[in-house]
Amino acid sequence: MAARLRDKYKSAIAAEMRQQFGYKNVMEIPHLEKIVINMGVGDGPADPRLLEGATSELSAIAGQKPSIRTARKSISNFKLREGAKIGCMVTLRGDRMYEFMDRLFNVAIPRVRDFRGISPTGFDKQGNYTLGLREQTIFPEIKVDAVAKVRGMNVTFVIKNARSADESRELLRKFGAPFRA
C-alpha cells in the first residue's frame, strides 16, 4: 500500500519547494528522512508494568515495536541508577513514516482539547522539528479505559537538506502540519 503523503511529495510538494526556494538541483530539495517518537517512563524502575504498558501503546501508535531506553548515568536526586529502563522509542522511515505523519496531522492532533494549532517555534538549527504531545490517548488506536497512566511523548521530524527552519516549516506546512498563525 502506497503512502498518500509520499505520493503527494513526489508529485506536487517537491516541485513547489523547488520553484519557491529556487533550487537548481533536485537533490537540494528538503525531504523528510525519519520520524522519531520517544516516550519517557520515569516510574519504570519502580513499576515495570508501566514500562510494558507504554511499550505496547507506542507499538500500537507507531505500528512497529519500540526499543527500550536505559539511563546512561545515575542521578541520586531522581532515584535513578545507570542502566535502569526509563523509556521507549521508535524510529519510523519509509511508508510507515508517511502513514504516521498523515494520522498525526489529520486525526490525532485535531482531537486535542482546545486545539489552536501546533507551535511554529520547535525547530533546531539543522531544521528538524520536535513536537511535544501531552497524552497518548489522542490516537484512535489507544483504548482510553485500558490506559494505566496518561503519558506524553516527543515526536521529532528529521528533515534532510533544509538550509533553514523556514524551509523545514514550509515543507511540513505543505504536508499538512496545522501550525498556529
N, C-alpha and C. Protein backbone atom coordinates (compact mmCIF):
# COMPACT_ATOMS: atom_id res chain seq x y z
N MET A 1 0.84 -1.18 0.00
CA MET A 1 0.00 0.00 0.00
C MET A 1 0.89 1.25 0.00
N ALA A 2 0.66 2.10 -0.95
CA ALA A 2 1.48 3.31 -1.07
C ALA A 2 0.98 4.38 -0.10
N ALA A 3 1.91 5.11 0.46
CA ALA A 3 1.57 6.17 1.39
C ALA A 3 1.11 7.40 0.61
N ARG A 4 -0.02 7.96 1.03
CA ARG A 4 -0.63 9.10 0.34
C ARG A 4 0.29 10.32 0.34
N LEU A 5 0.91 10.61 1.50
CA LEU A 5 1.76 11.80 1.58
C LEU A 5 3.06 11.66 0.79
N ARG A 6 3.59 10.43 0.68
CA ARG A 6 4.80 10.23 -0.13
C ARG A 6 4.50 10.54 -1.59
N ASP A 7 3.35 10.07 -2.08
CA ASP A 7 2.96 10.34 -3.46
C ASP A 7 2.73 11.84 -3.66
N LYS A 8 2.13 12.49 -2.68
CA LYS A 8 1.90 13.94 -2.76
C LYS A 8 3.24 14.69 -2.81
N TYR A 9 4.23 14.23 -2.02
CA TYR A 9 5.55 14.86 -2.03
C TYR A 9 6.18 14.74 -3.41
N LYS A 10 6.16 13.54 -3.97
CA LYS A 10 6.79 13.32 -5.27
C LYS A 10 6.10 14.06 -6.40
N SER A 11 4.77 14.14 -6.36
CA SER A 11 4.03 14.75 -7.47
C SER A 11 3.92 16.27 -7.37
N ALA A 12 3.75 16.81 -6.17
CA ALA A 12 3.47 18.24 -6.06
C ALA A 12 4.43 19.02 -5.15
N ILE A 13 4.67 18.53 -3.94
CA ILE A 13 5.41 19.30 -2.95
C ILE A 13 6.84 19.58 -3.40
N ALA A 14 7.53 18.58 -3.95
CA ALA A 14 8.92 18.77 -4.38
C ALA A 14 9.02 19.86 -5.45
N ALA A 15 8.11 19.86 -6.40
CA ALA A 15 8.13 20.87 -7.46
C ALA A 15 7.84 22.26 -6.90
N GLU A 16 6.87 22.34 -5.97
CA GLU A 16 6.55 23.63 -5.35
C GLU A 16 7.73 24.18 -4.56
N MET A 17 8.39 23.30 -3.78
CA MET A 17 9.55 23.73 -3.00
C MET A 17 10.68 24.18 -3.92
N ARG A 18 10.90 23.45 -5.01
CA ARG A 18 11.98 23.80 -5.95
C ARG A 18 11.74 25.18 -6.56
N GLN A 19 10.49 25.45 -6.93
CA GLN A 19 10.17 26.75 -7.51
C GLN A 19 10.23 27.86 -6.46
N GLN A 20 9.69 27.61 -5.27
CA GLN A 20 9.62 28.63 -4.23
C GLN A 20 11.00 29.06 -3.73
N PHE A 21 11.92 28.10 -3.53
CA PHE A 21 13.22 28.42 -2.97
C PHE A 21 14.33 28.46 -4.01
N GLY A 22 14.02 28.20 -5.28
CA GLY A 22 14.99 28.33 -6.36
C GLY A 22 16.11 27.30 -6.34
N TYR A 23 15.79 26.05 -6.03
CA TYR A 23 16.81 25.01 -6.05
C TYR A 23 17.15 24.68 -7.50
N LYS A 24 18.44 24.56 -7.80
CA LYS A 24 18.86 24.23 -9.15
C LYS A 24 18.86 22.72 -9.39
N ASN A 25 19.07 21.96 -8.33
CA ASN A 25 19.19 20.51 -8.43
C ASN A 25 18.07 19.84 -7.61
N VAL A 26 17.56 18.74 -8.09
CA VAL A 26 16.50 18.01 -7.38
C VAL A 26 16.99 17.52 -6.02
N MET A 27 18.29 17.22 -5.92
CA MET A 27 18.84 16.68 -4.69
C MET A 27 18.96 17.74 -3.58
N GLU A 28 18.77 19.01 -3.91
CA GLU A 28 18.83 20.08 -2.91
C GLU A 28 17.52 20.24 -2.15
N ILE A 29 16.44 19.70 -2.68
CA ILE A 29 15.12 19.90 -2.08
C ILE A 29 15.05 19.19 -0.73
N PRO A 30 14.61 19.89 0.33
CA PRO A 30 14.48 19.25 1.64
C PRO A 30 13.46 18.11 1.58
N HIS A 31 13.75 17.05 2.33
CA HIS A 31 12.81 15.93 2.40
C HIS A 31 12.85 15.33 3.80
N LEU A 32 11.79 14.64 4.14
CA LEU A 32 11.67 14.00 5.45
C LEU A 32 12.48 12.72 5.45
N GLU A 33 13.45 12.62 6.37
CA GLU A 33 14.30 11.43 6.44
C GLU A 33 13.69 10.37 7.37
N LYS A 34 13.26 10.81 8.58
CA LYS A 34 12.70 9.87 9.54
C LYS A 34 11.88 10.63 10.57
N ILE A 35 11.06 9.89 11.31
CA ILE A 35 10.31 10.43 12.44
C ILE A 35 10.67 9.58 13.65
N VAL A 36 11.10 10.24 14.73
CA VAL A 36 11.48 9.54 15.96
C VAL A 36 10.44 9.87 17.03
N ILE A 37 9.84 8.84 17.62
CA ILE A 37 8.85 9.03 18.68
C ILE A 37 9.46 8.51 19.97
N ASN A 38 9.48 9.34 21.00
CA ASN A 38 10.10 8.99 22.27
C ASN A 38 9.08 9.16 23.39
N MET A 39 8.94 8.12 24.22
CA MET A 39 8.02 8.19 25.36
C MET A 39 8.80 7.87 26.63
N GLY A 40 8.92 8.83 27.52
CA GLY A 40 9.63 8.61 28.78
C GLY A 40 8.72 7.97 29.82
N VAL A 41 9.29 7.05 30.59
CA VAL A 41 8.55 6.38 31.66
C VAL A 41 9.40 6.53 32.91
N GLY A 42 9.25 7.65 33.61
CA GLY A 42 10.06 7.92 34.78
C GLY A 42 9.82 6.94 35.92
N ASP A 43 8.60 6.35 36.00
CA ASP A 43 8.29 5.40 37.07
C ASP A 43 8.69 3.98 36.68
N GLY A 44 9.34 3.81 35.55
CA GLY A 44 9.71 2.50 35.04
C GLY A 44 10.51 1.63 36.00
N PRO A 45 11.55 2.17 36.64
CA PRO A 45 12.31 1.34 37.58
C PRO A 45 11.47 0.87 38.78
N ALA A 46 10.53 1.69 39.24
CA ALA A 46 9.71 1.34 40.40
C ALA A 46 8.63 0.30 40.04
N ASP A 47 8.03 0.44 38.86
CA ASP A 47 6.95 -0.47 38.45
C ASP A 47 7.14 -0.88 36.99
N PRO A 48 7.71 -2.04 36.73
CA PRO A 48 7.97 -2.48 35.36
C PRO A 48 6.73 -2.64 34.48
N ARG A 49 5.55 -2.82 35.10
CA ARG A 49 4.32 -2.95 34.31
C ARG A 49 4.00 -1.67 33.56
N LEU A 50 4.37 -0.51 34.14
CA LEU A 50 4.14 0.76 33.46
C LEU A 50 4.95 0.86 32.17
N LEU A 51 6.18 0.36 32.21
CA LEU A 51 7.02 0.35 31.02
C LEU A 51 6.45 -0.58 29.95
N GLU A 52 5.93 -1.73 30.37
CA GLU A 52 5.31 -2.66 29.43
C GLU A 52 4.08 -2.02 28.77
N GLY A 53 3.28 -1.32 29.57
CA GLY A 53 2.10 -0.64 29.04
C GLY A 53 2.49 0.44 28.04
N ALA A 54 3.50 1.24 28.38
CA ALA A 54 3.96 2.30 27.49
C ALA A 54 4.49 1.71 26.18
N THR A 55 5.22 0.59 26.28
CA THR A 55 5.76 -0.06 25.10
C THR A 55 4.65 -0.56 24.19
N SER A 56 3.63 -1.19 24.77
CA SER A 56 2.53 -1.70 23.94
C SER A 56 1.73 -0.56 23.31
N GLU A 57 1.54 0.54 24.06
CA GLU A 57 0.82 1.70 23.50
C GLU A 57 1.60 2.34 22.36
N LEU A 58 2.91 2.51 22.54
CA LEU A 58 3.74 3.10 21.49
C LEU A 58 3.79 2.19 20.27
N SER A 59 3.78 0.89 20.50
CA SER A 59 3.75 -0.08 19.41
C SER A 59 2.46 0.05 18.60
N ALA A 60 1.33 0.23 19.29
CA ALA A 60 0.05 0.40 18.61
C ALA A 60 0.00 1.70 17.82
N ILE A 61 0.57 2.76 18.39
CA ILE A 61 0.56 4.07 17.73
C ILE A 61 1.45 4.07 16.48
N ALA A 62 2.67 3.53 16.61
CA ALA A 62 3.65 3.61 15.54
C ALA A 62 3.54 2.49 14.52
N GLY A 63 2.99 1.35 14.93
CA GLY A 63 2.90 0.22 14.01
C GLY A 63 4.18 -0.59 13.93
N GLN A 64 5.08 -0.38 14.86
CA GLN A 64 6.31 -1.17 14.92
C GLN A 64 6.79 -1.22 16.36
N LYS A 65 7.57 -2.25 16.68
CA LYS A 65 7.99 -2.48 18.06
C LYS A 65 9.03 -1.44 18.50
N PRO A 66 8.79 -0.76 19.63
CA PRO A 66 9.77 0.22 20.11
C PRO A 66 10.94 -0.44 20.83
N SER A 67 12.04 0.30 20.92
CA SER A 67 13.19 -0.19 21.68
C SER A 67 13.16 0.44 23.06
N ILE A 68 13.61 -0.32 24.05
CA ILE A 68 13.65 0.15 25.44
C ILE A 68 14.91 0.99 25.62
N ARG A 69 14.77 2.15 26.25
CA ARG A 69 15.89 3.05 26.50
C ARG A 69 16.28 2.95 27.97
N THR A 70 17.58 2.98 28.23
CA THR A 70 18.08 2.88 29.61
C THR A 70 18.79 4.17 30.00
N ALA A 71 18.90 4.39 31.32
CA ALA A 71 19.57 5.57 31.83
C ALA A 71 21.08 5.45 31.58
N ARG A 72 21.69 6.52 31.10
CA ARG A 72 23.12 6.50 30.81
C ARG A 72 23.98 6.71 32.04
N LYS A 73 23.42 7.44 33.03
CA LYS A 73 24.18 7.64 34.27
C LYS A 73 23.25 7.73 35.46
N SER A 74 23.76 7.51 36.62
CA SER A 74 22.97 7.53 37.85
C SER A 74 22.77 8.97 38.31
N ILE A 75 21.55 9.29 38.77
CA ILE A 75 21.24 10.60 39.33
C ILE A 75 20.51 10.35 40.64
N SER A 76 21.17 10.64 41.77
CA SER A 76 20.61 10.30 43.08
C SER A 76 19.35 11.10 43.40
N ASN A 77 19.27 12.35 42.97
CA ASN A 77 18.10 13.17 43.27
C ASN A 77 16.82 12.61 42.64
N PHE A 78 16.96 11.92 41.52
CA PHE A 78 15.81 11.32 40.84
C PHE A 78 15.65 9.84 41.18
N LYS A 79 16.49 9.32 42.11
CA LYS A 79 16.50 7.90 42.46
C LYS A 79 16.65 7.04 41.21
N LEU A 80 17.64 7.40 40.41
CA LEU A 80 17.86 6.76 39.12
C LEU A 80 19.23 6.10 39.08
N ARG A 81 19.27 4.86 38.68
CA ARG A 81 20.52 4.11 38.55
C ARG A 81 20.89 3.96 37.09
N GLU A 82 22.18 3.91 36.84
CA GLU A 82 22.66 3.68 35.48
C GLU A 82 22.17 2.32 35.00
N GLY A 83 21.63 2.28 33.77
CA GLY A 83 21.14 1.03 33.21
C GLY A 83 19.67 0.75 33.51
N ALA A 84 19.01 1.60 34.31
CA ALA A 84 17.58 1.39 34.61
C ALA A 84 16.75 1.71 33.35
N LYS A 85 15.70 0.94 33.14
CA LYS A 85 14.83 1.14 31.97
C LYS A 85 13.91 2.32 32.25
N ILE A 86 14.05 3.40 31.45
CA ILE A 86 13.32 4.64 31.74
C ILE A 86 12.47 5.15 30.58
N GLY A 87 12.40 4.42 29.48
CA GLY A 87 11.58 4.90 28.38
C GLY A 87 11.64 3.96 27.19
N CYS A 88 10.92 4.36 26.13
CA CYS A 88 10.95 3.60 24.90
C CYS A 88 10.86 4.57 23.72
N MET A 89 11.41 4.15 22.61
CA MET A 89 11.39 5.00 21.42
C MET A 89 11.29 4.14 20.17
N VAL A 90 10.83 4.78 19.10
CA VAL A 90 10.71 4.09 17.82
C VAL A 90 11.11 5.07 16.72
N THR A 91 11.81 4.56 15.70
CA THR A 91 12.21 5.36 14.55
C THR A 91 11.45 4.85 13.34
N LEU A 92 10.70 5.75 12.70
CA LEU A 92 9.91 5.39 11.54
C LEU A 92 10.55 5.93 10.27
N ARG A 93 10.60 5.10 9.24
CA ARG A 93 11.11 5.51 7.93
C ARG A 93 10.18 4.95 6.86
N GLY A 94 10.28 5.47 5.66
CA GLY A 94 9.53 4.93 4.53
C GLY A 94 8.03 5.13 4.65
N ASP A 95 7.27 4.12 4.18
CA ASP A 95 5.81 4.23 4.16
C ASP A 95 5.23 4.40 5.56
N ARG A 96 5.78 3.68 6.56
CA ARG A 96 5.26 3.82 7.93
C ARG A 96 5.39 5.25 8.43
N MET A 97 6.48 5.92 8.07
CA MET A 97 6.70 7.30 8.48
C MET A 97 5.61 8.21 7.89
N TYR A 98 5.36 8.07 6.58
CA TYR A 98 4.36 8.92 5.94
C TYR A 98 2.95 8.62 6.45
N GLU A 99 2.64 7.35 6.70
CA GLU A 99 1.32 7.00 7.22
C GLU A 99 1.13 7.52 8.63
N PHE A 100 2.19 7.45 9.47
CA PHE A 100 2.09 8.01 10.82
C PHE A 100 1.88 9.52 10.76
N MET A 101 2.63 10.21 9.90
CA MET A 101 2.50 11.67 9.79
C MET A 101 1.09 12.04 9.34
N ASP A 102 0.54 11.29 8.40
CA ASP A 102 -0.82 11.52 7.93
C ASP A 102 -1.83 11.39 9.07
N ARG A 103 -1.71 10.30 9.87
CA ARG A 103 -2.62 10.10 11.01
C ARG A 103 -2.42 11.17 12.07
N LEU A 104 -1.17 11.57 12.31
CA LEU A 104 -0.88 12.57 13.33
C LEU A 104 -1.52 13.91 12.98
N PHE A 105 -1.31 14.39 11.74
CA PHE A 105 -1.80 15.71 11.35
C PHE A 105 -3.31 15.75 11.11
N ASN A 106 -3.89 14.66 10.61
CA ASN A 106 -5.29 14.70 10.21
C ASN A 106 -6.26 14.07 11.20
N VAL A 107 -5.77 13.20 12.10
CA VAL A 107 -6.67 12.52 13.03
C VAL A 107 -6.34 12.87 14.48
N ALA A 108 -5.08 12.65 14.89
CA ALA A 108 -4.73 12.74 16.31
C ALA A 108 -4.68 14.18 16.82
N ILE A 109 -3.91 15.04 16.18
CA ILE A 109 -3.74 16.41 16.69
C ILE A 109 -5.06 17.19 16.76
N PRO A 110 -5.95 17.08 15.75
CA PRO A 110 -7.23 17.78 15.89
C PRO A 110 -8.10 17.29 17.06
N ARG A 111 -7.79 16.11 17.63
CA ARG A 111 -8.56 15.60 18.77
C ARG A 111 -8.10 16.21 20.10
N VAL A 112 -7.03 16.99 20.09
CA VAL A 112 -6.54 17.64 21.31
C VAL A 112 -7.57 18.68 21.75
N ARG A 113 -7.85 18.69 23.04
CA ARG A 113 -8.82 19.63 23.57
C ARG A 113 -8.33 21.07 23.41
N ASP A 114 -9.20 21.99 23.03
CA ASP A 114 -8.89 23.41 22.82
C ASP A 114 -7.74 23.59 21.84
N PHE A 115 -7.78 22.86 20.74
CA PHE A 115 -6.69 22.88 19.76
C PHE A 115 -6.74 24.14 18.93
N ARG A 116 -5.60 24.86 18.89
CA ARG A 116 -5.49 26.09 18.10
C ARG A 116 -4.34 26.01 17.10
N GLY A 117 -3.72 24.86 16.97
CA GLY A 117 -2.57 24.70 16.07
C GLY A 117 -1.32 24.36 16.86
N ILE A 118 -0.33 23.80 16.16
CA ILE A 118 0.93 23.44 16.82
C ILE A 118 1.90 24.60 16.73
N SER A 119 2.81 24.65 17.67
CA SER A 119 3.76 25.75 17.77
C SER A 119 4.71 25.77 16.56
N PRO A 120 4.90 26.93 15.94
CA PRO A 120 5.82 27.01 14.80
C PRO A 120 7.27 27.26 15.23
N THR A 121 7.56 27.16 16.53
CA THR A 121 8.91 27.52 17.00
C THR A 121 9.75 26.33 17.43
N GLY A 122 9.34 25.11 17.18
CA GLY A 122 10.06 23.94 17.68
C GLY A 122 11.17 23.45 16.76
N PHE A 123 11.81 24.35 16.00
CA PHE A 123 12.85 23.95 15.05
C PHE A 123 14.24 24.17 15.64
N ASP A 124 15.18 23.29 15.30
CA ASP A 124 16.56 23.48 15.71
C ASP A 124 17.35 24.08 14.54
N LYS A 125 18.65 24.26 14.70
CA LYS A 125 19.48 24.90 13.68
C LYS A 125 19.57 24.11 12.39
N GLN A 126 19.43 22.78 12.48
CA GLN A 126 19.50 21.93 11.29
C GLN A 126 18.16 21.86 10.56
N GLY A 127 17.10 22.41 11.14
CA GLY A 127 15.79 22.39 10.50
C GLY A 127 14.91 21.25 10.96
N ASN A 128 15.33 20.48 11.98
CA ASN A 128 14.49 19.40 12.50
C ASN A 128 13.42 20.00 13.41
N TYR A 129 12.25 19.38 13.43
CA TYR A 129 11.13 19.89 14.22
C TYR A 129 10.74 18.88 15.29
N THR A 130 10.60 19.34 16.53
CA THR A 130 10.17 18.49 17.62
C THR A 130 8.86 19.00 18.19
N LEU A 131 7.92 18.08 18.34
CA LEU A 131 6.59 18.40 18.81
C LEU A 131 6.32 17.58 20.07
N GLY A 132 5.85 18.22 21.11
CA GLY A 132 5.52 17.51 22.34
C GLY A 132 4.03 17.29 22.45
N LEU A 133 3.64 16.05 22.73
CA LEU A 133 2.22 15.73 22.93
C LEU A 133 2.02 15.40 24.40
N ARG A 134 0.96 15.90 25.00
CA ARG A 134 0.73 15.73 26.44
C ARG A 134 0.16 14.37 26.80
N GLU A 135 -0.56 13.73 25.88
CA GLU A 135 -1.15 12.44 26.22
C GLU A 135 -1.24 11.55 24.99
N GLN A 136 -1.15 10.25 25.25
CA GLN A 136 -1.18 9.28 24.15
C GLN A 136 -2.60 8.92 23.74
N THR A 137 -3.59 9.37 24.50
CA THR A 137 -4.97 8.97 24.23
C THR A 137 -5.58 9.71 23.04
N ILE A 138 -4.88 10.67 22.44
CA ILE A 138 -5.42 11.36 21.26
C ILE A 138 -5.37 10.47 20.02
N PHE A 139 -4.61 9.38 20.08
CA PHE A 139 -4.55 8.47 18.93
C PHE A 139 -5.72 7.49 19.00
N PRO A 140 -6.41 7.26 17.89
CA PRO A 140 -7.57 6.36 17.91
C PRO A 140 -7.21 4.89 18.19
N GLU A 141 -5.94 4.51 18.05
CA GLU A 141 -5.53 3.13 18.30
C GLU A 141 -5.52 2.79 19.79
N ILE A 142 -5.51 3.80 20.64
CA ILE A 142 -5.42 3.60 22.09
C ILE A 142 -6.82 3.61 22.70
N LYS A 143 -7.13 2.56 23.45
CA LYS A 143 -8.40 2.50 24.19
C LYS A 143 -8.21 3.24 25.51
N VAL A 144 -9.01 4.27 25.73
CA VAL A 144 -8.83 5.17 26.88
C VAL A 144 -8.96 4.43 28.20
N ASP A 145 -9.91 3.48 28.31
CA ASP A 145 -10.10 2.80 29.59
C ASP A 145 -9.02 1.76 29.88
N ALA A 146 -8.21 1.41 28.86
CA ALA A 146 -7.14 0.42 29.08
C ALA A 146 -5.82 1.09 29.48
N VAL A 147 -5.78 2.42 29.46
CA VAL A 147 -4.54 3.15 29.77
C VAL A 147 -4.32 3.19 31.28
N ALA A 148 -3.14 2.71 31.72
CA ALA A 148 -2.82 2.72 33.15
C ALA A 148 -2.46 4.12 33.62
N LYS A 149 -1.70 4.85 32.82
CA LYS A 149 -1.29 6.20 33.18
C LYS A 149 -1.14 7.03 31.92
N VAL A 150 -1.65 8.26 31.95
CA VAL A 150 -1.54 9.14 30.79
C VAL A 150 -0.11 9.65 30.71
N ARG A 151 0.51 9.47 29.55
CA ARG A 151 1.91 9.87 29.35
C ARG A 151 2.02 10.74 28.11
N GLY A 152 3.01 11.60 28.12
CA GLY A 152 3.30 12.42 26.96
C GLY A 152 4.35 11.75 26.09
N MET A 153 4.61 12.36 24.96
CA MET A 153 5.65 11.84 24.07
C MET A 153 6.19 12.98 23.21
N ASN A 154 7.41 12.78 22.74
CA ASN A 154 8.03 13.73 21.82
C ASN A 154 8.06 13.10 20.44
N VAL A 155 7.69 13.88 19.43
CA VAL A 155 7.73 13.43 18.05
C VAL A 155 8.70 14.35 17.32
N THR A 156 9.79 13.79 16.79
CA THR A 156 10.80 14.59 16.09
C THR A 156 10.79 14.25 14.62
N PHE A 157 10.63 15.28 13.79
CA PHE A 157 10.69 15.14 12.33
C PHE A 157 12.10 15.51 11.90
N VAL A 158 12.86 14.55 11.39
CA VAL A 158 14.22 14.80 10.95
C VAL A 158 14.16 15.11 9.45
N ILE A 159 14.53 16.36 9.11
CA ILE A 159 14.42 16.84 7.74
C ILE A 159 15.82 17.01 7.17
N LYS A 160 16.05 16.38 6.04
CA LYS A 160 17.37 16.42 5.42
C LYS A 160 17.40 17.50 4.34
N ASN A 161 18.55 18.15 4.19
CA ASN A 161 18.84 19.17 3.18
C ASN A 161 18.18 20.51 3.44
N ALA A 162 17.58 20.74 4.59
CA ALA A 162 16.99 22.04 4.87
C ALA A 162 18.10 23.01 5.28
N ARG A 163 18.14 24.17 4.63
CA ARG A 163 19.16 25.16 4.96
C ARG A 163 18.74 26.04 6.13
N SER A 164 17.43 26.10 6.41
CA SER A 164 16.94 26.95 7.50
C SER A 164 15.65 26.37 8.05
N ALA A 165 15.24 26.92 9.18
CA ALA A 165 13.97 26.49 9.79
C ALA A 165 12.79 26.89 8.91
N ASP A 166 12.93 27.99 8.15
CA ASP A 166 11.84 28.42 7.28
C ASP A 166 11.55 27.40 6.18
N GLU A 167 12.60 26.80 5.63
CA GLU A 167 12.41 25.78 4.60
C GLU A 167 11.75 24.55 5.19
N SER A 168 12.17 24.14 6.38
CA SER A 168 11.56 22.99 7.04
C SER A 168 10.11 23.27 7.39
N ARG A 169 9.83 24.46 7.89
CA ARG A 169 8.46 24.83 8.25
C ARG A 169 7.56 24.78 7.02
N GLU A 170 8.07 25.29 5.91
CA GLU A 170 7.28 25.29 4.67
C GLU A 170 7.03 23.86 4.18
N LEU A 171 8.03 22.99 4.30
CA LEU A 171 7.86 21.58 3.90
C LEU A 171 6.77 20.92 4.74
N LEU A 172 6.83 21.09 6.07
CA LEU A 172 5.82 20.49 6.94
C LEU A 172 4.44 21.10 6.70
N ARG A 173 4.39 22.41 6.41
CA ARG A 173 3.12 23.06 6.12
C ARG A 173 2.48 22.45 4.86
N LYS A 174 3.30 22.18 3.85
CA LYS A 174 2.80 21.57 2.62
C LYS A 174 2.34 20.13 2.85
N PHE A 175 2.94 19.45 3.82
CA PHE A 175 2.48 18.10 4.18
C PHE A 175 1.16 18.15 4.96
N GLY A 176 0.79 19.32 5.49
CA GLY A 176 -0.47 19.45 6.20
C GLY A 176 -0.33 19.71 7.69
N ALA A 177 0.86 20.11 8.16
CA ALA A 177 1.04 20.39 9.58
C ALA A 177 0.20 21.61 9.96
N PRO A 178 -0.64 21.48 10.99
CA PRO A 178 -1.52 22.59 11.38
C PRO A 178 -0.83 23.59 12.30
N PHE A 179 0.07 24.41 11.75
CA PHE A 179 0.81 25.40 12.55
C PHE A 179 -0.13 26.55 12.92
N ARG A 180 0.13 27.13 14.13
CA ARG A 180 -0.59 28.34 14.55
C ARG A 180 -0.15 29.50 13.66
N ALA A 181 -1.04 30.44 13.50
CA ALA A 181 -0.71 31.62 12.69
C ALA A 181 0.11 32.62 13.48
